Amino acid sequence: MNKVPNMISTKDLSYLSDIFEWHFVASKKCMHYASETTDEEIKQTLEKIANMHANYCQKIVNLLNQGGQQNE
């Protein structure tokens, strides 16, 4: 299936919620550890990883907001 249906099952929504939560927590933890480290290379790497996880969260939100309105 290439597009999101107008209605998703509660099981699918639960799974998307879990995925969102995993990425959200990972992003928050990476940002926390980045703020705690003094090594600039590690700090930049952790911030990059945090942003990657935050982008995944945004993609999930966008996917749910678009719902069946996608024109792919």
N, C-alpha and C. Protein backbone atom coordinates (compact mmCIF):
# COMPACT_ATOMS: atom_id res chain seq x y z
N MET A 1 0.85 -1.16 0.00
CA MET A 1 0.00 0.00 0.00
C MET A 1 0.91 1.24 0.00
N ASN A 2 0.67 2.15 -0.93
CA ASN A 2 1.52 3.33 -1.07
C ASN A 2 0.97 4.58 -0.41
N LYS A 3 -0.23 4.52 0.10
CA LYS A 3 -0.77 5.70 0.77
C LYS A 3 -1.54 5.30 2.02
N VAL A 4 -1.68 6.27 2.90
CA VAL A 4 -2.36 6.01 4.16
C VAL A 4 -3.87 6.00 3.92
N PRO A 5 -4.55 4.98 4.42
CA PRO A 5 -6.00 4.96 4.25
C PRO A 5 -6.67 6.04 5.09
N ASN A 6 -7.92 6.36 4.76
CA ASN A 6 -8.66 7.37 5.53
C ASN A 6 -8.80 6.97 6.99
N MET A 7 -8.83 5.68 7.24
CA MET A 7 -9.01 5.19 8.60
C MET A 7 -8.01 4.06 8.84
N ILE A 8 -7.31 4.12 9.98
CA ILE A 8 -6.38 3.04 10.31
C ILE A 8 -6.91 2.30 11.53
N SER A 9 -6.49 1.07 11.64
CA SER A 9 -6.97 0.24 12.75
C SER A 9 -6.35 0.70 14.07
N THR A 10 -6.97 0.30 15.15
CA THR A 10 -6.42 0.64 16.46
C THR A 10 -5.08 -0.04 16.68
N LYS A 11 -4.90 -1.22 16.09
CA LYS A 11 -3.62 -1.91 16.20
C LYS A 11 -2.53 -1.12 15.47
N ASP A 12 -2.85 -0.63 14.27
CA ASP A 12 -1.88 0.18 13.53
C ASP A 12 -1.56 1.47 14.28
N LEU A 13 -2.57 2.11 14.82
CA LEU A 13 -2.36 3.34 15.57
C LEU A 13 -1.50 3.08 16.81
N SER A 14 -1.74 1.97 17.46
CA SER A 14 -0.94 1.61 18.63
C SER A 14 0.52 1.40 18.24
N TYR A 15 0.74 0.74 17.11
CA TYR A 15 2.09 0.49 16.64
C TYR A 15 2.77 1.81 16.27
N LEU A 16 2.07 2.70 15.57
CA LEU A 16 2.63 4.00 15.22
C LEU A 16 2.94 4.81 16.48
N SER A 17 2.08 4.70 17.47
CA SER A 17 2.31 5.39 18.74
C SER A 17 3.58 4.87 19.41
N ASP A 18 3.77 3.57 19.40
CA ASP A 18 4.98 2.97 19.97
C ASP A 18 6.22 3.45 19.23
N ILE A 19 6.17 3.44 17.91
CA ILE A 19 7.32 3.88 17.10
C ILE A 19 7.64 5.34 17.43
N PHE A 20 6.59 6.17 17.48
CA PHE A 20 6.80 7.58 17.80
C PHE A 20 7.47 7.71 19.16
N GLU A 21 6.98 6.98 20.13
CA GLU A 21 7.52 7.06 21.50
C GLU A 21 8.98 6.63 21.54
N TRP A 22 9.34 5.57 20.81
CA TRP A 22 10.73 5.11 20.79
C TRP A 22 11.65 6.21 20.25
N HIS A 23 11.24 6.79 19.14
CA HIS A 23 12.06 7.84 18.53
C HIS A 23 12.11 9.09 19.41
N PHE A 24 10.98 9.45 20.02
CA PHE A 24 10.92 10.63 20.87
C PHE A 24 11.86 10.47 22.06
N VAL A 25 11.81 9.33 22.72
CA VAL A 25 12.66 9.07 23.88
C VAL A 25 14.13 9.05 23.46
N ALA A 26 14.43 8.42 22.34
CA ALA A 26 15.82 8.37 21.86
C ALA A 26 16.34 9.77 21.58
N SER A 27 15.51 10.60 20.97
CA SER A 27 15.90 11.98 20.68
C SER A 27 16.18 12.75 21.96
N LYS A 28 15.27 12.64 22.92
CA LYS A 28 15.43 13.36 24.19
C LYS A 28 16.69 12.89 24.94
N LYS A 29 16.94 11.59 24.96
CA LYS A 29 18.12 11.08 25.65
C LYS A 29 19.41 11.55 24.98
N CYS A 30 19.43 11.53 23.66
CA CYS A 30 20.63 11.99 22.95
C CYS A 30 20.89 13.47 23.22
N MET A 31 19.83 14.28 23.23
CA MET A 31 20.01 15.70 23.52
C MET A 31 20.50 15.90 24.96
N HIS A 32 19.99 15.10 25.87
CA HIS A 32 20.44 15.20 27.26
C HIS A 32 21.92 14.86 27.37
N TYR A 33 22.31 13.74 26.77
CA TYR A 33 23.71 13.33 26.87
C TYR A 33 24.63 14.29 26.12
N ALA A 34 24.14 14.87 25.04
CA ALA A 34 24.93 15.87 24.31
C ALA A 34 25.20 17.08 25.19
N SER A 35 24.22 17.45 26.00
CA SER A 35 24.40 18.61 26.88
C SER A 35 25.32 18.29 28.06
N GLU A 36 25.51 17.02 28.35
CA GLU A 36 26.34 16.61 29.48
C GLU A 36 27.81 16.40 29.11
N THR A 37 28.10 16.20 27.84
CA THR A 37 29.47 15.88 27.45
C THR A 37 30.28 17.13 27.15
N THR A 38 31.58 17.02 27.33
CA THR A 38 32.48 18.13 27.02
C THR A 38 33.24 17.88 25.72
N ASP A 39 33.20 16.66 25.23
CA ASP A 39 33.88 16.32 23.97
C ASP A 39 33.01 16.82 22.81
N GLU A 40 33.54 17.75 22.04
CA GLU A 40 32.78 18.39 20.97
C GLU A 40 32.36 17.41 19.87
N GLU A 41 33.21 16.46 19.53
CA GLU A 41 32.88 15.49 18.49
C GLU A 41 31.71 14.60 18.92
N ILE A 42 31.76 14.14 20.17
CA ILE A 42 30.67 13.32 20.70
C ILE A 42 29.39 14.13 20.78
N LYS A 43 29.52 15.37 21.22
CA LYS A 43 28.36 16.25 21.33
C LYS A 43 27.68 16.42 19.97
N GLN A 44 28.46 16.69 18.93
CA GLN A 44 27.91 16.87 17.59
C GLN A 44 27.25 15.59 17.08
N THR A 45 27.88 14.47 17.36
CA THR A 45 27.32 13.18 16.92
C THR A 45 25.99 12.91 17.62
N LEU A 46 25.93 13.14 18.92
CA LEU A 46 24.69 12.94 19.67
C LEU A 46 23.59 13.89 19.19
N GLU A 47 23.94 15.12 18.90
CA GLU A 47 22.95 16.08 18.38
C GLU A 47 22.44 15.64 17.01
N LYS A 48 23.34 15.12 16.19
CA LYS A 48 22.94 14.63 14.86
C LYS A 48 21.96 13.45 15.01
N ILE A 49 22.26 12.55 15.92
CA ILE A 49 21.38 11.40 16.15
C ILE A 49 20.05 11.86 16.72
N ALA A 50 20.08 12.82 17.63
CA ALA A 50 18.84 13.36 18.21
C ALA A 50 17.97 13.96 17.12
N ASN A 51 18.57 14.72 16.22
CA ASN A 51 17.82 15.32 15.11
C ASN A 51 17.24 14.28 14.17
N MET A 52 17.99 13.20 13.95
CA MET A 52 17.50 12.12 13.10
C MET A 52 16.22 11.52 13.70
N HIS A 53 16.25 11.26 15.00
CA HIS A 53 15.08 10.69 15.67
C HIS A 53 13.92 11.68 15.69
N ALA A 54 14.21 12.96 15.89
CA ALA A 54 13.16 13.98 15.88
C ALA A 54 12.53 14.07 14.49
N ASN A 55 13.33 13.90 13.45
CA ASN A 55 12.79 13.91 12.08
C ASN A 55 11.85 12.73 11.85
N TYR A 56 12.19 11.57 12.40
CA TYR A 56 11.30 10.42 12.29
C TYR A 56 9.97 10.70 12.98
N CYS A 57 10.04 11.34 14.15
CA CYS A 57 8.80 11.71 14.85
C CYS A 57 7.96 12.63 13.98
N GLN A 58 8.59 13.60 13.36
CA GLN A 58 7.86 14.54 12.52
C GLN A 58 7.24 13.84 11.32
N LYS A 59 7.95 12.88 10.76
CA LYS A 59 7.42 12.12 9.62
C LYS A 59 6.17 11.34 10.03
N ILE A 60 6.18 10.77 11.21
CA ILE A 60 5.02 10.02 11.70
C ILE A 60 3.83 10.97 11.89
N VAL A 61 4.08 12.12 12.48
CA VAL A 61 3.01 13.11 12.68
C VAL A 61 2.46 13.57 11.34
N ASN A 62 3.35 13.86 10.38
CA ASN A 62 2.91 14.29 9.05
C ASN A 62 2.09 13.20 8.37
N LEU A 63 2.52 11.98 8.52
CA LEU A 63 1.81 10.84 7.92
C LEU A 63 0.40 10.75 8.47
N LEU A 64 0.28 10.88 9.77
CA LEU A 64 -1.04 10.79 10.41
C LEU A 64 -1.91 12.01 10.06
N ASN A 65 -1.30 13.17 9.95
CA ASN A 65 -2.06 14.38 9.61
C ASN A 65 -2.58 14.33 8.18
N GLN A 66 -1.80 13.73 7.28
CA GLN A 66 -2.21 13.66 5.88
C GLN A 66 -3.31 12.62 5.68
N GLY A 67 -3.21 11.53 6.43
CA GLY A 67 -4.22 10.47 6.32
C GLY A 67 -4.49 10.08 4.89
N GLY A 68 -5.72 10.00 4.52
CA GLY A 68 -6.11 9.61 3.16
C GLY A 68 -6.03 10.73 2.16
N GLN A 69 -5.46 11.85 2.54
CA GLN A 69 -5.36 12.99 1.64
C GLN A 69 -4.14 12.96 0.77
N GLN A 70 -3.29 11.97 0.91
CA GLN A 70 -2.08 11.87 0.11
C GLN A 70 -2.44 11.61 -1.34
N ASN A 71 -1.68 12.18 -2.23
CA ASN A 71 -1.90 11.99 -3.66
C ASN A 71 -0.69 11.33 -4.31
N GLU A 72 -0.27 10.20 -3.78
CA GLU A 72 0.89 9.51 -4.33
C GLU A 72 0.45 8.47 -5.33
